[in-house]
Amino acid sequence: MSTPTKHSLTRALAEQRRELAALRHDHAELLAAARAAVCAHYDGQALPLTVLIDTLDQLGQLPEFSPYVTDAALNFLGTSADVADDVRASSPTVLTSGRRVA
């Protein structure tokens, strides 16, 4: 095992400083995006998470999203459509679930 030299230690320290600066920059970006999202929500904007989503995407940290519908949801939708058709035929008022299916 070799003893680290002053030059190798200086180089390692410089690399650590660069990594720390990059982490601080990313943290500042995420904090600003989170604050912007909260302010947008308070202002009643339609899509308050847009800034945060864009920032996460820019930093390469946006999680993968693959929406899916379960068999139970498909059965519910099929049953709801049948019930809605029956109700529409018998009365003018239709009550439907307020749930969204991704």
PDB file of N, CA and C in Angstrom:
ATOM      1  N   MET A   1       0.848  -1.170   0.000  1.00  0.00           N
ATOM      2  CA  MET A   1       0.000   0.000   0.000  1.00  0.00           C
ATOM      3  C   MET A   1       0.898   1.239   0.000  1.00  0.00           C
ATOM      4  N   SER A   2       0.594   2.157  -0.882  1.00  0.00           N
ATOM      5  CA  SER A   2       1.432   3.356  -0.985  1.00  0.00           C
ATOM      6  C   SER A   2       0.869   4.474  -0.110  1.00  0.00           C
ATOM      7  N   THR A   3       1.757   5.332   0.288  1.00  0.00           N
ATOM      8  CA  THR A   3       1.377   6.487   1.102  1.00  0.00           C
ATOM      9  C   THR A   3       0.883   7.595   0.189  1.00  0.00           C
ATOM     10  N   PRO A   4      -0.270   8.213   0.528  1.00  0.00           N
ATOM     11  CA  PRO A   4      -0.772   9.307  -0.323  1.00  0.00           C
ATOM     12  C   PRO A   4       0.195  10.487  -0.320  1.00  0.00           C
ATOM     13  N   THR A   5       0.341  11.070  -1.485  1.00  0.00           N
ATOM     14  CA  THR A   5       1.216  12.237  -1.602  1.00  0.00           C
ATOM     15  C   THR A   5       0.391  13.508  -1.432  1.00  0.00           C
ATOM     16  N   LYS A   6       1.093  14.597  -1.262  1.00  0.00           N
ATOM     17  CA  LYS A   6       0.422  15.887  -1.121  1.00  0.00           C
ATOM     18  C   LYS A   6      -0.384  16.203  -2.375  1.00  0.00           C
ATOM     19  N   HIS A   7       0.161  15.880  -3.527  1.00  0.00           N
ATOM     20  CA  HIS A   7      -0.517  16.142  -4.796  1.00  0.00           C
ATOM     21  C   HIS A   7      -1.805  15.317  -4.921  1.00  0.00           C
ATOM     22  N   SER A   8      -1.746  14.034  -4.565  1.00  0.00           N
ATOM     23  CA  SER A   8      -2.941  13.184  -4.681  1.00  0.00           C
ATOM     24  C   SER A   8      -4.014  13.610  -3.675  1.00  0.00           C
ATOM     25  N   LEU A   9      -3.605  14.019  -2.482  1.00  0.00           N
ATOM     26  CA  LEU A   9      -4.563  14.500  -1.489  1.00  0.00           C
ATOM     27  C   LEU A   9      -5.210  15.810  -1.928  1.00  0.00           C
ATOM     28  N   THR A  10      -4.438  16.687  -2.517  1.00  0.00           N
ATOM     29  CA  THR A  10      -4.963  17.957  -3.018  1.00  0.00           C
ATOM     30  C   THR A  10      -5.972  17.707  -4.134  1.00  0.00           C
ATOM     31  N   ARG A  11      -5.633  16.778  -5.030  1.00  0.00           N
ATOM     32  CA  ARG A  11      -6.536  16.443  -6.125  1.00  0.00           C
ATOM     33  C   ARG A  11      -7.843  15.828  -5.595  1.00  0.00           C
ATOM     34  N   ALA A  12      -7.740  14.937  -4.614  1.00  0.00           N
ATOM     35  CA  ALA A  12      -8.932  14.315  -4.029  1.00  0.00           C
ATOM     36  C   ALA A  12      -9.798  15.357  -3.320  1.00  0.00           C
ATOM     37  N   LEU A  13      -9.152  16.272  -2.614  1.00  0.00           N
ATOM     38  CA  LEU A  13      -9.889  17.321  -1.922  1.00  0.00           C
ATOM     39  C   LEU A  13     -10.612  18.229  -2.918  1.00  0.00           C
ATOM     40  N   ALA A  14      -9.950  18.562  -4.020  1.00  0.00           N
ATOM     41  CA  ALA A  14     -10.571  19.405  -5.048  1.00  0.00           C
ATOM     42  C   ALA A  14     -11.790  18.699  -5.643  1.00  0.00           C
ATOM     43  N   GLU A  15     -11.678  17.401  -5.874  1.00  0.00           N
ATOM     44  CA  GLU A  15     -12.812  16.627  -6.404  1.00  0.00           C
ATOM     45  C   GLU A  15     -13.972  16.613  -5.403  1.00  0.00           C
ATOM     46  N   GLN A  16     -13.663  16.437  -4.139  1.00  0.00           N
ATOM     47  CA  GLN A  16     -14.704  16.446  -3.105  1.00  0.00           C
ATOM     48  C   GLN A  16     -15.394  17.813  -3.029  1.00  0.00           C
ATOM     49  N   ARG A  17     -14.626  18.867  -3.173  1.00  0.00           N
ATOM     50  CA  ARG A  17     -15.209  20.214  -3.157  1.00  0.00           C
ATOM     51  C   ARG A  17     -16.144  20.435  -4.349  1.00  0.00           C
ATOM     52  N   ARG A  18     -15.740  19.935  -5.524  1.00  0.00           N
ATOM     53  CA  ARG A  18     -16.601  20.053  -6.712  1.00  0.00           C
ATOM     54  C   ARG A  18     -17.907  19.281  -6.516  1.00  0.00           C
ATOM     55  N   GLU A  19     -17.806  18.074  -5.964  1.00  0.00           N
ATOM     56  CA  GLU A  19     -19.004  17.274  -5.712  1.00  0.00           C
ATOM     57  C   GLU A  19     -19.926  17.962  -4.697  1.00  0.00           C
ATOM     58  N   LEU A  20     -19.334  18.535  -3.656  1.00  0.00           N
ATOM     59  CA  LEU A  20     -20.130  19.244  -2.650  1.00  0.00           C
ATOM     60  C   LEU A  20     -20.812  20.468  -3.263  1.00  0.00           C
ATOM     61  N   ALA A  21     -20.125  21.193  -4.111  1.00  0.00           N
ATOM     62  CA  ALA A  21     -20.715  22.361  -4.776  1.00  0.00           C
ATOM     63  C   ALA A  21     -21.873  21.942  -5.670  1.00  0.00           C
ATOM     64  N   ALA A  22     -21.712  20.815  -6.378  1.00  0.00           N
ATOM     65  CA  ALA A  22     -22.794  20.325  -7.239  1.00  0.00           C
ATOM     66  C   ALA A  22     -24.004  19.913  -6.394  1.00  0.00           C
ATOM     67  N   LEU A  23     -23.767  19.247  -5.281  1.00  0.00           N
ATOM     68  CA  LEU A  23     -24.870  18.857  -4.393  1.00  0.00           C
ATOM     69  C   LEU A  23     -25.584  20.078  -3.815  1.00  0.00           C
ATOM     70  N   ARG A  24     -24.821  21.075  -3.427  1.00  0.00           N
ATOM     71  CA  ARG A  24     -25.431  22.306  -2.909  1.00  0.00           C
ATOM     72  C   ARG A  24     -26.279  22.985  -3.977  1.00  0.00           C
ATOM     73  N   HIS A  25     -25.776  22.997  -5.211  1.00  0.00           N
ATOM     74  CA  HIS A  25     -26.528  23.596  -6.317  1.00  0.00           C
ATOM     75  C   HIS A  25     -27.835  22.845  -6.540  1.00  0.00           C
ATOM     76  N   ASP A  26     -27.773  21.508  -6.589  1.00  0.00           N
ATOM     77  CA  ASP A  26     -28.984  20.703  -6.786  1.00  0.00           C
ATOM     78  C   ASP A  26     -29.980  20.920  -5.649  1.00  0.00           C
ATOM     79  N   HIS A  27     -29.467  20.993  -4.424  1.00  0.00           N
ATOM     80  CA  HIS A  27     -30.339  21.224  -3.271  1.00  0.00           C
ATOM     81  C   HIS A  27     -31.025  22.581  -3.381  1.00  0.00           C
ATOM     82  N   ALA A  28     -30.281  23.603  -3.770  1.00  0.00           N
ATOM     83  CA  ALA A  28     -30.866  24.938  -3.924  1.00  0.00           C
ATOM     84  C   ALA A  28     -31.935  24.943  -5.018  1.00  0.00           C
ATOM     85  N   GLU A  29     -31.668  24.246  -6.124  1.00  0.00           N
ATOM     86  CA  GLU A  29     -32.649  24.153  -7.210  1.00  0.00           C
ATOM     87  C   GLU A  29     -33.923  23.471  -6.742  1.00  0.00           C
ATOM     88  N   LEU A  30     -33.781  22.354  -6.026  1.00  0.00           N
ATOM     89  CA  LEU A  30     -34.954  21.632  -5.538  1.00  0.00           C
ATOM     90  C   LEU A  30     -35.739  22.442  -4.512  1.00  0.00           C
ATOM     91  N   LEU A  31     -35.036  23.140  -3.636  1.00  0.00           N
ATOM     92  CA  LEU A  31     -35.705  23.971  -2.643  1.00  0.00           C
ATOM     93  C   LEU A  31     -36.483  25.102  -3.314  1.00  0.00           C
ATOM     94  N   ALA A  32     -35.884  25.735  -4.304  1.00  0.00           N
ATOM     95  CA  ALA A  32     -36.576  26.805  -5.031  1.00  0.00           C
ATOM     96  C   ALA A  32     -37.798  26.265  -5.769  1.00  0.00           C
ATOM     97  N   ALA A  33     -37.666  25.082  -6.372  1.00  0.00           N
ATOM     98  CA  ALA A  33     -38.796  24.483  -7.089  1.00  0.00           C
ATOM     99  C   ALA A  33     -39.917  24.097  -6.128  1.00  0.00           C
ATOM    100  N   ALA A  34     -39.559  23.571  -4.965  1.00  0.00           N
ATOM    101  CA  ALA A  34     -40.573  23.206  -3.973  1.00  0.00           C
ATOM    102  C   ALA A  34     -41.309  24.454  -3.474  1.00  0.00           C
ATOM    103  N   ARG A  35     -40.569  25.512  -3.220  1.00  0.00           N
ATOM    104  CA  ARG A  35     -41.208  26.764  -2.780  1.00  0.00           C
ATOM    105  C   ARG A  35     -42.125  27.321  -3.869  1.00  0.00           C
ATOM    106  N   ALA A  36     -41.675  27.243  -5.121  1.00  0.00           N
ATOM    107  CA  ALA A  36     -42.501  27.725  -6.229  1.00  0.00           C
ATOM    108  C   ALA A  36     -43.780  26.899  -6.353  1.00  0.00           C
ATOM    109  N   ALA A  37     -43.676  25.590  -6.130  1.00  0.00           N
ATOM    110  CA  ALA A  37     -44.858  24.728  -6.195  1.00  0.00           C
ATOM    111  C   ALA A  37     -45.853  25.079  -5.094  1.00  0.00           C
ATOM    112  N   VAL A  38     -45.351  25.330  -3.898  1.00  0.00           N
ATOM    113  CA  VAL A  38     -46.237  25.703  -2.786  1.00  0.00           C
ATOM    114  C   VAL A  38     -46.907  27.041  -3.060  1.00  0.00           C
ATOM    115  N   CYS A  39     -46.153  28.008  -3.544  1.00  0.00           N
ATOM    116  CA  CYS A  39     -46.727  29.321  -3.870  1.00  0.00           C
ATOM    117  C   CYS A  39     -47.770  29.203  -4.977  1.00  0.00           C
ATOM    118  N   ALA A  40     -47.487  28.391  -5.978  1.00  0.00           N
ATOM    119  CA  ALA A  40     -48.445  28.192  -7.071  1.00  0.00           C
ATOM    120  C   ALA A  40     -49.725  27.551  -6.546  1.00  0.00           C
ATOM    121  N   HIS A  41     -49.588  26.620  -5.618  1.00  0.00           N
ATOM    122  CA  HIS A  41     -50.767  25.991  -5.012  1.00  0.00           C
ATOM    123  C   HIS A  41     -51.579  27.025  -4.239  1.00  0.00           C
ATOM    124  N   TYR A  42     -50.895  27.836  -3.445  1.00  0.00           N
ATOM    125  CA  TYR A  42     -51.586  28.877  -2.668  1.00  0.00           C
ATOM    126  C   TYR A  42     -52.269  29.893  -3.571  1.00  0.00           C
ATOM    127  N   ASP A  43     -51.665  30.169  -4.736  1.00  0.00           N
ATOM    128  CA  ASP A  43     -52.252  31.124  -5.681  1.00  0.00           C
ATOM    129  C   ASP A  43     -53.393  30.520  -6.480  1.00  0.00           C
ATOM    130  N   GLY A  44     -53.593  29.203  -6.342  1.00  0.00           N
ATOM    131  CA  GLY A  44     -54.692  28.546  -7.036  1.00  0.00           C
ATOM    132  C   GLY A  44     -54.407  28.225  -8.488  1.00  0.00           C
ATOM    133  N   GLN A  45     -53.146  28.132  -8.852  1.00  0.00           N
ATOM    134  CA  GLN A  45     -52.812  27.805 -10.234  1.00  0.00           C
ATOM    135  C   GLN A  45     -53.221  26.368 -10.544  1.00  0.00           C
ATOM    136  N   ALA A  46     -53.510  26.121 -11.796  1.00  0.00           N
ATOM    137  CA  ALA A  46     -54.045  24.822 -12.209  1.00  0.00           C
ATOM    138  C   ALA A  46     -53.039  23.683 -12.029  1.00  0.00           C
ATOM    139  N   LEU A  47     -51.792  23.902 -12.323  1.00  0.00           N
ATOM    140  CA  LEU A  47     -50.779  22.847 -12.246  1.00  0.00           C
ATOM    141  C   LEU A  47     -49.612  23.293 -11.365  1.00  0.00           C
ATOM    142  N   PRO A  48     -49.785  23.293 -10.051  1.00  0.00           N
ATOM    143  CA  PRO A  48     -48.745  23.835  -9.176  1.00  0.00           C
ATOM    144  C   PRO A  48     -47.458  23.017  -9.121  1.00  0.00           C
ATOM    145  N   LEU A  49     -47.502  21.742  -9.475  1.00  0.00           N
ATOM    146  CA  LEU A  49     -46.297  20.922  -9.387  1.00  0.00           C
ATOM    147  C   LEU A  49     -45.433  20.968 -10.644  1.00  0.00           C
ATOM    148  N   THR A  50     -45.832  21.730 -11.628  1.00  0.00           N
ATOM    149  CA  THR A  50     -45.111  21.771 -12.898  1.00  0.00           C
ATOM    150  C   THR A  50     -43.651  22.161 -12.725  1.00  0.00           C
ATOM    151  N   VAL A  51     -43.373  23.187 -11.939  1.00  0.00           N
ATOM    152  CA  VAL A  51     -41.993  23.654 -11.743  1.00  0.00           C
ATOM    153  C   VAL A  51     -41.159  22.567 -11.067  1.00  0.00           C
ATOM    154  N   LEU A  52     -41.728  21.928 -10.058  1.00  0.00           N
ATOM    155  CA  LEU A  52     -41.005  20.877  -9.353  1.00  0.00           C
ATOM    156  C   LEU A  52     -40.746  19.676 -10.262  1.00  0.00           C
ATOM    157  N   ILE A  53     -41.728  19.288 -11.037  1.00  0.00           N
ATOM    158  CA  ILE A  53     -41.564  18.165 -11.967  1.00  0.00           C
ATOM    159  C   ILE A  53     -40.494  18.485 -13.004  1.00  0.00           C
ATOM    160  N   ASP A  54     -40.532  19.702 -13.548  1.00  0.00           N
ATOM    161  CA  ASP A  54     -39.521  20.099 -14.538  1.00  0.00           C
ATOM    162  C   ASP A  54     -38.116  20.099 -13.940  1.00  0.00           C
ATOM    163  N   THR A  55     -37.988  20.576 -12.699  1.00  0.00           N
ATOM    164  CA  THR A  55     -36.684  20.615 -12.044  1.00  0.00           C
ATOM    165  C   THR A  55     -36.161  19.201 -11.789  1.00  0.00           C
ATOM    166  N   LEU A  56     -37.030  18.316 -11.305  1.00  0.00           N
ATOM    167  CA  LEU A  56     -36.620  16.928 -11.093  1.00  0.00           C
ATOM    168  C   LEU A  56     -36.195  16.276 -12.407  1.00  0.00           C
ATOM    169  N   ASP A  57     -36.925  16.573 -13.464  1.00  0.00           N
ATOM    170  CA  ASP A  57     -36.584  16.028 -14.777  1.00  0.00           C
ATOM    171  C   ASP A  57     -35.239  16.561 -15.240  1.00  0.00           C
ATOM    172  N   GLN A  58     -35.006  17.853 -15.029  1.00  0.00           N
ATOM    173  CA  GLN A  58     -33.747  18.473 -15.436  1.00  0.00           C
ATOM    174  C   GLN A  58     -32.559  17.872 -14.679  1.00  0.00           C
ATOM    175  N   LEU A  59     -32.773  17.514 -13.414  1.00  0.00           N
ATOM    176  CA  LEU A  59     -31.701  16.925 -12.613  1.00  0.00           C
ATOM    177  C   LEU A  59     -31.592  15.412 -12.810  1.00  0.00           C
ATOM    178  N   GLY A  60     -32.460  14.862 -13.640  1.00  0.00           N
ATOM    179  CA  GLY A  60     -32.426  13.429 -13.889  1.00  0.00           C
ATOM    180  C   GLY A  60     -32.947  12.608 -12.720  1.00  0.00           C
ATOM    181  N   GLN A  61     -33.797  13.196 -11.891  1.00  0.00           N
ATOM    182  CA  GLN A  61     -34.292  12.523 -10.701  1.00  0.00           C
ATOM    183  C   GLN A  61     -35.790  12.256 -10.744  1.00  0.00           C
ATOM    184  N   LEU A  62     -36.415  12.488 -11.875  1.00  0.00           N
ATOM    185  CA  LEU A  62     -37.851  12.252 -12.000  1.00  0.00           C
ATOM    186  C   LEU A  62     -38.101  10.750 -12.060  1.00  0.00           C
ATOM    187  N   PRO A  63     -38.932  10.221 -11.147  1.00  0.00           N
ATOM    188  CA  PRO A  63     -39.181   8.780 -11.172  1.00  0.00           C
ATOM    189  C   PRO A  63     -39.982   8.381 -12.403  1.00  0.00           C
ATOM    190  N   GLU A  64     -39.804   7.145 -12.803  1.00  0.00           N
ATOM    191  CA  GLU A  64     -40.565   6.617 -13.939  1.00  0.00           C
ATOM    192  C   GLU A  64     -42.021   6.485 -13.527  1.00  0.00           C
ATOM    193  N   PHE A  65     -42.921   6.790 -14.425  1.00  0.00           N
ATOM    194  CA  PHE A  65     -44.347   6.672 -14.150  1.00  0.00           C
ATOM    195  C   PHE A  65     -44.976   5.891 -15.276  1.00  0.00           C
ATOM    196  N   SER A  66     -45.577   4.782 -14.923  1.00  0.00           N
ATOM    197  CA  SER A  66     -46.289   3.996 -15.924  1.00  0.00           C
ATOM    198  C   SER A  66     -47.672   3.689 -15.350  1.00  0.00           C
ATOM    199  N   PRO A  67     -48.650   4.496 -15.718  1.00  0.00           N
ATOM    200  CA  PRO A  67     -49.986   4.279 -15.165  1.00  0.00           C
ATOM    201  C   PRO A  67     -50.553   2.940 -15.621  1.00  0.00           C
ATOM    202  N   TYR A  68     -51.314   2.342 -14.747  1.00  0.00           N
ATOM    203  CA  TYR A  68     -51.953   1.086 -15.087  1.00  0.00           C
ATOM    204  C   TYR A  68     -53.318   1.039 -14.417  1.00  0.00           C
ATOM    205  N   VAL A  69     -54.171   0.264 -14.964  1.00  0.00           N
ATOM    206  CA  VAL A  69     -55.507   0.093 -14.411  1.00  0.00           C
ATOM    207  C   VAL A  69     -55.619  -1.366 -13.983  1.00  0.00           C
ATOM    208  N   THR A  70     -55.979  -1.582 -12.732  1.00  0.00           N
ATOM    209  CA  THR A  70     -56.088  -2.943 -12.218  1.00  0.00           C
ATOM    210  C   THR A  70     -57.357  -3.605 -12.733  1.00  0.00           C
ATOM    211  N   ASP A  71     -57.413  -4.913 -12.582  1.00  0.00           N
ATOM    212  CA  ASP A  71     -58.611  -5.657 -12.976  1.00  0.00           C
ATOM    213  C   ASP A  71     -59.825  -5.174 -12.178  1.00  0.00           C
ATOM    214  N   ALA A  72     -59.609  -4.888 -10.906  1.00  0.00           N
ATOM    215  CA  ALA A  72     -60.717  -4.409 -10.077  1.00  0.00           C
ATOM    216  C   ALA A  72     -61.256  -3.082 -10.611  1.00  0.00           C
ATOM    217  N   ALA A  73     -60.351  -2.201 -11.043  1.00  0.00           N
ATOM    218  CA  ALA A  73     -60.787  -0.915 -11.587  1.00  0.00           C
ATOM    219  C   ALA A  73     -61.546  -1.106 -12.892  1.00  0.00           C
ATOM    220  N   LEU A  74     -61.053  -2.012 -13.739  1.00  0.00           N
ATOM    221  CA  LEU A  74     -61.755  -2.277 -14.993  1.00  0.00           C
ATOM    222  C   LEU A  74     -63.147  -2.857 -14.732  1.00  0.00           C
ATOM    223  N   ASN A  75     -63.237  -3.774 -13.756  1.00  0.00           N
ATOM    224  CA  ASN A  75     -64.538  -4.331 -13.402  1.00  0.00           C
ATOM    225  C   ASN A  75     -65.469  -3.246 -12.883  1.00  0.00           C
ATOM    226  N   PHE A  76     -64.927  -2.347 -12.043  1.00  0.00           N
ATOM    227  CA  PHE A  76     -65.727  -1.248 -11.508  1.00  0.00           C
ATOM    228  C   PHE A  76     -66.224  -0.352 -12.636  1.00  0.00           C
ATOM    229  N   LEU A  77     -65.323  -0.036 -13.560  1.00  0.00           N
ATOM    230  CA  LEU A  77     -65.721   0.825 -14.681  1.00  0.00           C
ATOM    231  C   LEU A  77     -66.776   0.157 -15.539  1.00  0.00           C
ATOM    232  N   GLY A  78     -66.609  -1.132 -15.780  1.00  0.00           N
ATOM    233  CA  GLY A  78     -67.603  -1.860 -16.564  1.00  0.00           C
ATOM    234  C   GLY A  78     -68.945  -1.902 -15.861  1.00  0.00           C
ATOM    235  N   THR A  79     -68.935  -2.153 -14.558  1.00  0.00           N
ATOM    236  CA  THR A  79     -70.167  -2.186 -13.773  1.00  0.00           C
ATOM    237  C   THR A  79     -70.794  -0.803 -13.721  1.00  0.00           C
ATOM    238  N   SER A  80     -69.957   0.227 -13.531  1.00  0.00           N
ATOM    239  CA  SER A  80     -70.475   1.599 -13.470  1.00  0.00           C
ATOM    240  C   SER A  80     -71.124   1.991 -14.782  1.00  0.00           C
ATOM    241  N   ALA A  81     -70.530   1.576 -15.894  1.00  0.00           N
ATOM    242  CA  ALA A  81     -71.106   1.911 -17.198  1.00  0.00           C
ATOM    243  C   ALA A  81     -72.452   1.226 -17.368  1.00  0.00           C
ATOM    244  N   ASP A  82     -72.548  -0.050 -16.945  1.00  0.00           N
ATOM    245  CA  ASP A  82     -73.815  -0.765 -17.033  1.00  0.00           C
ATOM    246  C   ASP A  82     -74.876  -0.111 -16.158  1.00  0.00           C
ATOM    247  N   VAL A  83     -74.488   0.243 -14.920  1.00  0.00           N
ATOM    248  CA  VAL A  83     -75.429   0.884 -14.000  1.00  0.00           C
ATOM    249  C   VAL A  83     -75.833   2.246 -14.534  1.00  0.00           C
ATOM    250  N   ALA A  84     -74.860   2.992 -15.054  1.00  0.00           N
ATOM    251  CA  ALA A  84     -75.166   4.321 -15.584  1.00  0.00           C
ATOM    252  C   ALA A  84     -76.130   4.219 -16.760  1.00  0.00           C
ATOM    253  N   ASP A  85     -75.929   3.221 -17.624  1.00  0.00           N
ATOM    254  CA  ASP A  85     -76.850   3.037 -18.754  1.00  0.00           C
ATOM    255  C   ASP A  85     -78.255   2.719 -18.259  1.00  0.00           C
ATOM    256  N   ASP A  86     -78.353   1.851 -17.239  1.00  0.00           N
ATOM    257  CA  ASP A  86     -79.660   1.500 -16.680  1.00  0.00           C
ATOM    258  C   ASP A  86     -80.319   2.712 -16.039  1.00  0.00           C
ATOM    259  N   VAL A  87     -79.529   3.490 -15.303  1.00  0.00           N
ATOM    260  CA  VAL A  87     -80.079   4.658 -14.610  1.00  0.00           C
ATOM    261  C   VAL A  87     -80.499   5.715 -15.625  1.00  0.00           C
ATOM    262  N   ARG A  88     -79.689   5.930 -16.667  1.00  0.00           N
ATOM    263  CA  ARG A  88     -80.033   6.905 -17.691  1.00  0.00           C
ATOM    264  C   ARG A  88     -81.350   6.542 -18.364  1.00  0.00           C
ATOM    265  N   ALA A  89     -81.559   5.270 -18.555  1.00  0.00           N
ATOM    266  CA  ALA A  89     -82.792   4.830 -19.209  1.00  0.00           C
ATOM    267  C   ALA A  89     -84.005   5.043 -18.312  1.00  0.00           C
ATOM    268  N   SER A  90     -83.809   4.965 -16.987  1.00  0.00           N
ATOM    269  CA  SER A  90     -84.957   5.053 -16.089  1.00  0.00           C
ATOM    270  C   SER A  90     -85.162   6.436 -15.479  1.00  0.00           C
ATOM    271  N   SER A  91     -84.119   7.253 -15.369  1.00  0.00           N
ATOM    272  CA  SER A  91     -84.288   8.581 -14.763  1.00  0.00           C
ATOM    273  C   SER A  91     -83.269   9.554 -15.336  1.00  0.00           C
ATOM    274  N   PRO A  92     -83.551  10.853 -15.244  1.00  0.00           N
ATOM    275  CA  PRO A  92     -82.633  11.840 -15.814  1.00  0.00           C
ATOM    276  C   PRO A  92     -81.393  12.097 -14.951  1.00  0.00           C
ATOM    277  N   THR A  93     -81.391  11.731 -13.668  1.00  0.00           N
ATOM    278  CA  THR A  93     -80.278  11.997 -12.775  1.00  0.00           C
ATOM    279  C   THR A  93     -79.354  10.790 -12.710  1.00  0.00           C
ATOM    280  N   VAL A  94     -78.052  11.007 -12.929  1.00  0.00           N
ATOM    281  CA  VAL A  94     -77.076   9.929 -12.883  1.00  0.00           C
ATOM    282  C   VAL A  94     -76.058  10.265 -11.805  1.00  0.00           C
ATOM    283  N   LEU A  95     -75.867   9.360 -10.872  1.00  0.00           N
ATOM    284  CA  LEU A  95     -74.853   9.526  -9.838  1.00  0.00           C
ATOM    285  C   LEU A  95     -73.676   8.667 -10.222  1.00  0.00           C
ATOM    286  N   THR A  96     -72.495   9.286 -10.325  1.00  0.00           N
ATOM    287  CA  THR A  96     -71.294   8.526 -10.677  1.00  0.00           C
ATOM    288  C   THR A  96     -70.234   8.768  -9.612  1.00  0.00           C
ATOM    289  N   SER A  97     -69.273   7.907  -9.579  1.00  0.00           N
ATOM    290  CA  SER A  97     -68.173   8.044  -8.636  1.00  0.00           C
ATOM    291  C   SER A  97     -67.298   9.216  -9.043  1.00  0.00           C
ATOM    292  N   GLY A  98     -66.740   9.917  -8.064  1.00  0.00           N
ATOM    293  CA  GLY A  98     -65.840  11.032  -8.344  1.00  0.00           C
ATOM    294  C   GLY A  98     -64.401  10.616  -8.473  1.00  0.00           C
ATOM    295  N   ARG A  99     -64.096   9.323  -8.417  1.00  0.00           N
ATOM    296  CA  ARG A  99     -62.712   8.853  -8.473  1.00  0.00           C
ATOM    297  C   ARG A  99     -62.180   8.894  -9.889  1.00  0.00           C
ATOM    298  N   ARG A 100     -60.896   9.251  -9.979  1.00  0.00           N
ATOM    299  CA  ARG A 100     -60.219   9.228 -11.268  1.00  0.00           C
ATOM    300  C   ARG A 100     -59.462   7.924 -11.395  1.00  0.00           C
ATOM    301  N   VAL A 101     -59.412   7.407 -12.572  1.00  0.00           N
ATOM    302  CA  VAL A 101     -58.614   6.219 -12.843  1.00  0.00           C
ATOM    303  C   VAL A 101     -57.434   6.663 -13.680  1.00  0.00           C
ATOM    304  N   ALA A 102     -56.231   6.410 -13.149  1.00  0.00           N
ATOM    305  CA  ALA A 102     -55.020   6.835 -13.864  1.00  0.00           C
ATOM    306  C   ALA A 102     -55.024   6.136 -15.154  1.00  0.00           C
TER     307      ALA A 102
END
